[in-house]
């Protein structure tokens, strides 16, 4: 049976960024935000319990970094798409995240809207 909805989780310590993502994503047909976490510890619990299809993940997180969280997620749940969305967008972080399995990496300030394109394309591939 094919899935009808793409379930997305936001992992970002900025409530403002989380709200911005929510507002953009709610306009997309067949895509829903199922969880939002402000720490990687909380996010891991959501991942284990709700198994999102896509995680939108910031690098700079309190406690464990988004990069370390990315590593954990990809080791245990390789089928979950992880989109890094960060202000730390230099080549070092892009390469490091790709090395640890990030599916996409976008700069928050300049490439934010590309996330929507990826979500729409991923949602369309479900049907």
N, C-alpha and C. Protein backbone atom coordinates (compact mmCIF):
# COMPACT_ATOMS: atom_id res chain seq x y z
N UNK A 1 0.84 -1.18 0.00
CA UNK A 1 0.00 0.00 0.00
C UNK A 1 0.89 1.25 0.00
N UNK A 2 0.60 2.18 -0.87
CA UNK A 2 1.37 3.42 -0.98
C UNK A 2 1.00 4.38 0.15
N UNK A 3 1.99 5.14 0.59
CA UNK A 3 1.73 6.17 1.60
C UNK A 3 1.01 7.34 0.94
N UNK A 4 0.18 8.01 1.71
CA UNK A 4 -0.53 9.17 1.16
C UNK A 4 0.03 10.48 1.69
N UNK A 5 0.77 10.43 2.80
CA UNK A 5 1.33 11.65 3.39
C UNK A 5 2.82 11.48 3.64
N UNK A 6 3.53 12.58 3.46
CA UNK A 6 4.94 12.64 3.78
C UNK A 6 5.03 13.26 5.18
N UNK A 7 5.56 12.50 6.12
CA UNK A 7 5.65 12.96 7.50
C UNK A 7 7.03 13.56 7.78
N UNK A 8 7.02 14.81 8.24
CA UNK A 8 8.24 15.59 8.42
C UNK A 8 8.42 15.97 9.88
N UNK A 9 9.66 15.91 10.35
CA UNK A 9 10.01 16.35 11.69
C UNK A 9 11.02 17.48 11.58
N UNK A 10 10.82 18.52 12.38
CA UNK A 10 11.74 19.66 12.43
C UNK A 10 12.60 19.53 13.68
N UNK A 11 13.91 19.64 13.51
CA UNK A 11 14.83 19.62 14.66
C UNK A 11 15.66 20.89 14.57
N UNK A 12 15.25 21.89 15.34
CA UNK A 12 15.91 23.19 15.32
C UNK A 12 15.64 23.86 16.66
N UNK A 13 16.67 24.45 17.26
CA UNK A 13 16.49 25.09 18.56
C UNK A 13 15.85 26.47 18.44
N UNK A 14 15.66 26.96 17.23
CA UNK A 14 15.02 28.26 17.03
C UNK A 14 13.52 28.09 16.78
N UNK A 15 12.72 28.59 17.70
CA UNK A 15 11.27 28.52 17.52
C UNK A 15 10.83 29.30 16.29
N UNK A 16 11.52 30.39 16.01
CA UNK A 16 11.20 31.21 14.84
C UNK A 16 11.40 30.43 13.55
N UNK A 17 12.51 29.73 13.43
CA UNK A 17 12.77 28.92 12.24
C UNK A 17 11.73 27.81 12.14
N UNK A 18 11.46 27.15 13.26
CA UNK A 18 10.45 26.10 13.27
C UNK A 18 9.10 26.59 12.80
N UNK A 19 8.72 27.76 13.27
CA UNK A 19 7.44 28.35 12.86
C UNK A 19 7.44 28.70 11.38
N UNK A 20 8.55 29.24 10.91
CA UNK A 20 8.65 29.58 9.48
C UNK A 20 8.50 28.32 8.62
N UNK A 21 9.17 27.25 9.01
CA UNK A 21 9.07 26.00 8.26
C UNK A 21 7.63 25.48 8.30
N UNK A 22 7.04 25.47 9.49
CA UNK A 22 5.64 25.01 9.62
C UNK A 22 4.71 25.78 8.68
N UNK A 23 4.84 27.09 8.67
CA UNK A 23 3.97 27.92 7.83
C UNK A 23 4.14 27.63 6.35
N UNK A 24 5.36 27.35 5.93
CA UNK A 24 5.60 27.03 4.53
C UNK A 24 5.10 25.63 4.18
N UNK A 25 5.37 24.68 5.06
CA UNK A 25 5.02 23.29 4.79
C UNK A 25 3.51 23.06 4.83
N UNK A 26 2.80 23.80 5.67
CA UNK A 26 1.36 23.56 5.77
C UNK A 26 0.63 23.87 4.47
N UNK A 27 1.28 24.61 3.57
CA UNK A 27 0.69 24.91 2.27
C UNK A 27 0.88 23.77 1.27
N UNK A 28 1.73 22.82 1.59
CA UNK A 28 2.02 21.72 0.68
C UNK A 28 1.02 20.59 0.86
N UNK A 29 0.43 20.17 -0.22
CA UNK A 29 -0.53 19.07 -0.19
C UNK A 29 0.19 17.74 0.08
N UNK A 30 -0.33 16.97 1.02
CA UNK A 30 0.23 15.65 1.29
C UNK A 30 1.49 15.65 2.13
N UNK A 31 1.82 16.79 2.74
CA UNK A 31 3.01 16.88 3.59
C UNK A 31 2.57 17.42 4.95
N UNK A 32 2.97 16.75 6.01
CA UNK A 32 2.59 17.25 7.33
C UNK A 32 3.77 17.20 8.31
N UNK A 33 3.78 18.18 9.20
CA UNK A 33 4.77 18.22 10.27
C UNK A 33 4.21 17.37 11.41
N UNK A 34 4.90 16.29 11.75
CA UNK A 34 4.41 15.41 12.81
C UNK A 34 5.08 15.67 14.14
N UNK A 35 6.21 16.37 14.12
CA UNK A 35 6.92 16.64 15.38
C UNK A 35 7.89 17.79 15.17
N UNK A 36 8.16 18.47 16.29
CA UNK A 36 9.17 19.52 16.29
C UNK A 36 9.95 19.38 17.59
N UNK A 37 11.27 19.36 17.47
CA UNK A 37 12.11 19.20 18.66
C UNK A 37 13.14 20.32 18.70
N UNK A 38 13.41 20.79 19.90
CA UNK A 38 14.38 21.85 20.10
C UNK A 38 15.71 21.33 20.62
N UNK A 39 15.81 20.01 20.77
CA UNK A 39 17.07 19.39 21.16
C UNK A 39 17.17 18.03 20.47
N UNK A 40 18.39 17.56 20.30
CA UNK A 40 18.57 16.27 19.65
C UNK A 40 18.11 15.12 20.55
N UNK A 41 18.18 15.32 21.85
CA UNK A 41 17.72 14.28 22.78
C UNK A 41 16.21 14.04 22.60
N UNK A 42 15.45 15.12 22.57
CA UNK A 42 14.00 15.01 22.35
C UNK A 42 13.74 14.47 20.96
N UNK A 43 14.51 14.92 19.98
CA UNK A 43 14.32 14.49 18.60
C UNK A 43 14.50 12.99 18.45
N UNK A 44 15.48 12.43 19.13
CA UNK A 44 15.73 10.99 19.03
C UNK A 44 14.51 10.20 19.53
N UNK A 45 13.88 10.67 20.58
CA UNK A 45 12.67 10.01 21.08
C UNK A 45 11.56 10.05 20.04
N UNK A 46 11.39 11.20 19.38
CA UNK A 46 10.39 11.32 18.32
C UNK A 46 10.69 10.37 17.17
N UNK A 47 11.96 10.31 16.77
CA UNK A 47 12.34 9.44 15.66
C UNK A 47 12.01 7.99 16.00
N UNK A 48 12.36 7.57 17.20
CA UNK A 48 12.11 6.18 17.62
C UNK A 48 10.62 5.86 17.67
N UNK A 49 9.82 6.82 18.12
CA UNK A 49 8.38 6.57 18.29
C UNK A 49 7.56 6.81 17.03
N UNK A 50 7.93 7.81 16.23
CA UNK A 50 7.07 8.22 15.12
C UNK A 50 7.63 7.92 13.74
N UNK A 51 8.89 7.59 13.63
CA UNK A 51 9.51 7.23 12.36
C UNK A 51 9.13 8.19 11.22
N UNK A 52 9.59 9.43 11.27
CA UNK A 52 9.27 10.38 10.19
C UNK A 52 9.90 9.94 8.87
N UNK A 53 9.36 10.43 7.78
CA UNK A 53 9.94 10.17 6.46
C UNK A 53 11.11 11.10 6.20
N UNK A 54 11.00 12.33 6.72
CA UNK A 54 12.01 13.37 6.49
C UNK A 54 12.28 14.11 7.79
N UNK A 55 13.56 14.41 8.03
CA UNK A 55 13.96 15.24 9.16
C UNK A 55 14.63 16.49 8.60
N UNK A 56 14.14 17.65 9.02
CA UNK A 56 14.79 18.93 8.72
C UNK A 56 15.64 19.25 9.94
N UNK A 57 16.95 19.28 9.77
CA UNK A 57 17.87 19.30 10.90
C UNK A 57 18.87 20.45 10.84
N UNK A 58 18.97 21.18 11.94
CA UNK A 58 19.95 22.25 12.09
C UNK A 58 21.26 21.65 12.62
N UNK A 59 22.38 22.26 12.28
CA UNK A 59 23.68 21.79 12.79
C UNK A 59 23.92 22.24 14.22
N UNK A 60 23.67 23.53 14.48
CA UNK A 60 23.98 24.11 15.78
C UNK A 60 22.84 23.87 16.76
N UNK A 61 22.97 22.83 17.57
CA UNK A 61 21.94 22.45 18.52
C UNK A 61 22.53 22.43 19.92
N UNK A 62 21.68 22.67 20.94
CA UNK A 62 22.19 22.56 22.31
C UNK A 62 22.52 21.10 22.63
N UNK A 63 23.57 20.90 23.39
CA UNK A 63 23.98 19.53 23.72
C UNK A 63 24.66 18.91 22.51
N UNK A 64 24.17 17.78 22.08
CA UNK A 64 24.72 17.08 20.93
C UNK A 64 24.46 17.88 19.64
N UNK A 65 25.45 17.97 18.79
CA UNK A 65 25.29 18.74 17.55
C UNK A 65 24.38 18.02 16.56
N UNK A 66 23.88 18.78 15.61
CA UNK A 66 23.07 18.20 14.56
C UNK A 66 23.86 17.19 13.74
N UNK A 67 25.15 17.41 13.59
CA UNK A 67 26.00 16.48 12.84
C UNK A 67 26.05 15.13 13.55
N UNK A 68 26.23 15.14 14.85
CA UNK A 68 26.26 13.89 15.61
C UNK A 68 24.89 13.19 15.56
N UNK A 69 23.83 13.99 15.63
CA UNK A 69 22.48 13.42 15.53
C UNK A 69 22.26 12.80 14.15
N UNK A 70 22.71 13.48 13.12
CA UNK A 70 22.62 12.96 11.76
C UNK A 70 23.27 11.58 11.68
N UNK A 71 24.47 11.46 12.24
CA UNK A 71 25.20 10.19 12.25
C UNK A 71 24.37 9.09 12.90
N UNK A 72 23.79 9.37 14.05
CA UNK A 72 22.98 8.38 14.77
C UNK A 72 21.75 7.96 13.95
N UNK A 73 21.08 8.95 13.41
CA UNK A 73 19.86 8.66 12.64
C UNK A 73 20.19 7.77 11.45
N UNK A 74 21.21 8.12 10.70
CA UNK A 74 21.55 7.37 9.49
C UNK A 74 22.06 5.96 9.82
N UNK A 75 22.68 5.79 10.98
CA UNK A 75 23.15 4.45 11.37
C UNK A 75 21.97 3.54 11.71
N UNK A 76 20.95 4.10 12.35
CA UNK A 76 19.82 3.29 12.80
C UNK A 76 18.62 3.32 11.86
N UNK A 77 18.45 4.41 11.14
CA UNK A 77 17.27 4.60 10.28
C UNK A 77 17.71 5.17 8.93
N UNK A 78 18.44 4.39 8.18
CA UNK A 78 19.02 4.89 6.93
C UNK A 78 17.97 5.31 5.90
N UNK A 79 16.74 4.81 6.06
CA UNK A 79 15.69 5.15 5.10
C UNK A 79 15.06 6.53 5.34
N UNK A 80 15.34 7.14 6.48
CA UNK A 80 14.81 8.48 6.76
C UNK A 80 15.66 9.51 6.01
N UNK A 81 14.99 10.36 5.23
CA UNK A 81 15.70 11.43 4.52
C UNK A 81 16.04 12.53 5.53
N UNK A 82 17.28 12.97 5.51
CA UNK A 82 17.70 14.06 6.38
C UNK A 82 18.14 15.24 5.52
N UNK A 83 17.48 16.37 5.76
CA UNK A 83 17.81 17.62 5.08
C UNK A 83 18.44 18.55 6.11
N UNK A 84 19.71 18.85 5.92
CA UNK A 84 20.38 19.78 6.80
C UNK A 84 19.99 21.19 6.37
N UNK A 85 19.63 22.00 7.34
CA UNK A 85 19.20 23.38 7.08
C UNK A 85 19.93 24.24 8.10
N UNK A 86 20.98 24.93 7.67
CA UNK A 86 21.85 25.58 8.64
C UNK A 86 22.43 26.89 8.13
N UNK A 87 22.83 27.73 9.08
CA UNK A 87 23.58 28.94 8.75
C UNK A 87 25.07 28.62 8.60
N UNK A 88 25.47 27.43 9.06
CA UNK A 88 26.85 26.99 8.92
C UNK A 88 26.96 26.25 7.59
N UNK A 89 27.06 27.02 6.51
CA UNK A 89 26.96 26.40 5.19
C UNK A 89 28.27 26.37 4.41
N UNK A 90 29.38 26.55 5.10
CA UNK A 90 30.64 26.50 4.36
C UNK A 90 30.93 25.06 3.89
N UNK A 91 31.90 24.95 3.03
CA UNK A 91 32.22 23.66 2.41
C UNK A 91 32.52 22.57 3.46
N UNK A 92 33.19 22.92 4.54
CA UNK A 92 33.52 21.94 5.57
C UNK A 92 32.26 21.24 6.08
N UNK A 93 31.26 22.01 6.48
CA UNK A 93 30.04 21.42 7.04
C UNK A 93 29.23 20.69 5.98
N UNK A 94 29.19 21.23 4.78
CA UNK A 94 28.49 20.54 3.69
C UNK A 94 29.09 19.16 3.45
N UNK A 95 30.42 19.11 3.36
CA UNK A 95 31.11 17.84 3.11
C UNK A 95 30.95 16.88 4.27
N UNK A 96 31.07 17.39 5.49
CA UNK A 96 30.94 16.55 6.67
C UNK A 96 29.54 15.92 6.73
N UNK A 97 28.53 16.73 6.49
CA UNK A 97 27.15 16.22 6.54
C UNK A 97 26.90 15.21 5.43
N UNK A 98 27.41 15.46 4.25
CA UNK A 98 27.28 14.49 3.15
C UNK A 98 27.97 13.18 3.53
N UNK A 99 29.15 13.30 4.14
CA UNK A 99 29.90 12.11 4.56
C UNK A 99 29.08 11.28 5.55
N UNK A 100 28.34 11.93 6.43
CA UNK A 100 27.55 11.22 7.44
C UNK A 100 26.15 10.85 6.95
N UNK A 101 25.88 11.11 5.68
CA UNK A 101 24.64 10.60 5.11
C UNK A 101 23.53 11.59 4.85
N UNK A 102 23.79 12.89 5.02
CA UNK A 102 22.74 13.87 4.74
C UNK A 102 22.31 13.75 3.28
N UNK A 103 21.01 13.79 3.05
CA UNK A 103 20.49 13.69 1.69
C UNK A 103 20.56 15.03 0.97
N UNK A 104 20.42 16.11 1.73
CA UNK A 104 20.48 17.47 1.16
C UNK A 104 21.07 18.39 2.22
N UNK A 105 21.62 19.52 1.78
CA UNK A 105 22.16 20.53 2.69
C UNK A 105 21.82 21.88 2.10
N UNK A 106 21.09 22.70 2.86
CA UNK A 106 20.70 24.02 2.39
C UNK A 106 21.05 25.09 3.41
N UNK A 107 21.47 26.22 2.91
CA UNK A 107 21.76 27.39 3.72
C UNK A 107 20.44 28.04 4.12
N UNK A 108 20.23 28.25 5.42
CA UNK A 108 18.96 28.83 5.90
C UNK A 108 18.68 30.20 5.30
N UNK A 109 19.72 30.99 5.14
CA UNK A 109 19.48 32.37 4.71
C UNK A 109 19.31 32.51 3.20
N UNK A 110 19.86 31.59 2.41
CA UNK A 110 19.80 31.78 0.96
C UNK A 110 19.08 30.66 0.20
N UNK A 111 18.93 29.50 0.81
CA UNK A 111 18.38 28.35 0.07
C UNK A 111 17.14 27.76 0.73
N UNK A 112 16.54 28.50 1.62
CA UNK A 112 15.42 28.00 2.43
C UNK A 112 14.31 27.39 1.58
N UNK A 113 13.95 28.04 0.49
CA UNK A 113 12.82 27.60 -0.33
C UNK A 113 13.11 26.29 -1.06
N UNK A 114 14.37 25.93 -1.22
CA UNK A 114 14.71 24.67 -1.88
C UNK A 114 14.20 23.47 -1.09
N UNK A 115 14.04 23.64 0.21
CA UNK A 115 13.49 22.57 1.04
C UNK A 115 12.10 22.19 0.53
N UNK A 116 11.31 23.19 0.20
CA UNK A 116 9.95 22.93 -0.30
C UNK A 116 9.98 22.13 -1.58
N UNK A 117 10.90 22.46 -2.48
CA UNK A 117 11.02 21.72 -3.74
C UNK A 117 11.34 20.25 -3.48
N UNK A 118 12.25 20.00 -2.54
CA UNK A 118 12.62 18.62 -2.21
C UNK A 118 11.42 17.89 -1.60
N UNK A 119 10.70 18.55 -0.70
CA UNK A 119 9.54 17.91 -0.07
C UNK A 119 8.47 17.57 -1.11
N UNK A 120 8.20 18.49 -2.03
CA UNK A 120 7.20 18.24 -3.07
C UNK A 120 7.64 17.07 -3.95
N UNK A 121 8.89 17.05 -4.37
CA UNK A 121 9.40 15.97 -5.21
C UNK A 121 9.35 14.63 -4.48
N UNK A 122 9.69 14.64 -3.21
CA UNK A 122 9.67 13.41 -2.42
C UNK A 122 8.24 12.92 -2.24
N UNK A 123 7.33 13.85 -1.97
CA UNK A 123 5.91 13.49 -1.82
C UNK A 123 5.39 12.89 -3.11
N UNK A 124 5.73 13.47 -4.25
CA UNK A 124 5.26 12.95 -5.53
C UNK A 124 5.79 11.56 -5.82
N UNK A 125 6.98 11.26 -5.32
CA UNK A 125 7.56 9.93 -5.56
C UNK A 125 6.85 8.84 -4.74
N UNK A 126 6.08 9.23 -3.74
CA UNK A 126 5.34 8.26 -2.93
C UNK A 126 4.15 7.67 -3.67
N UNK A 127 3.61 8.44 -4.59
CA UNK A 127 2.38 8.00 -5.26
C UNK A 127 2.65 7.28 -6.56
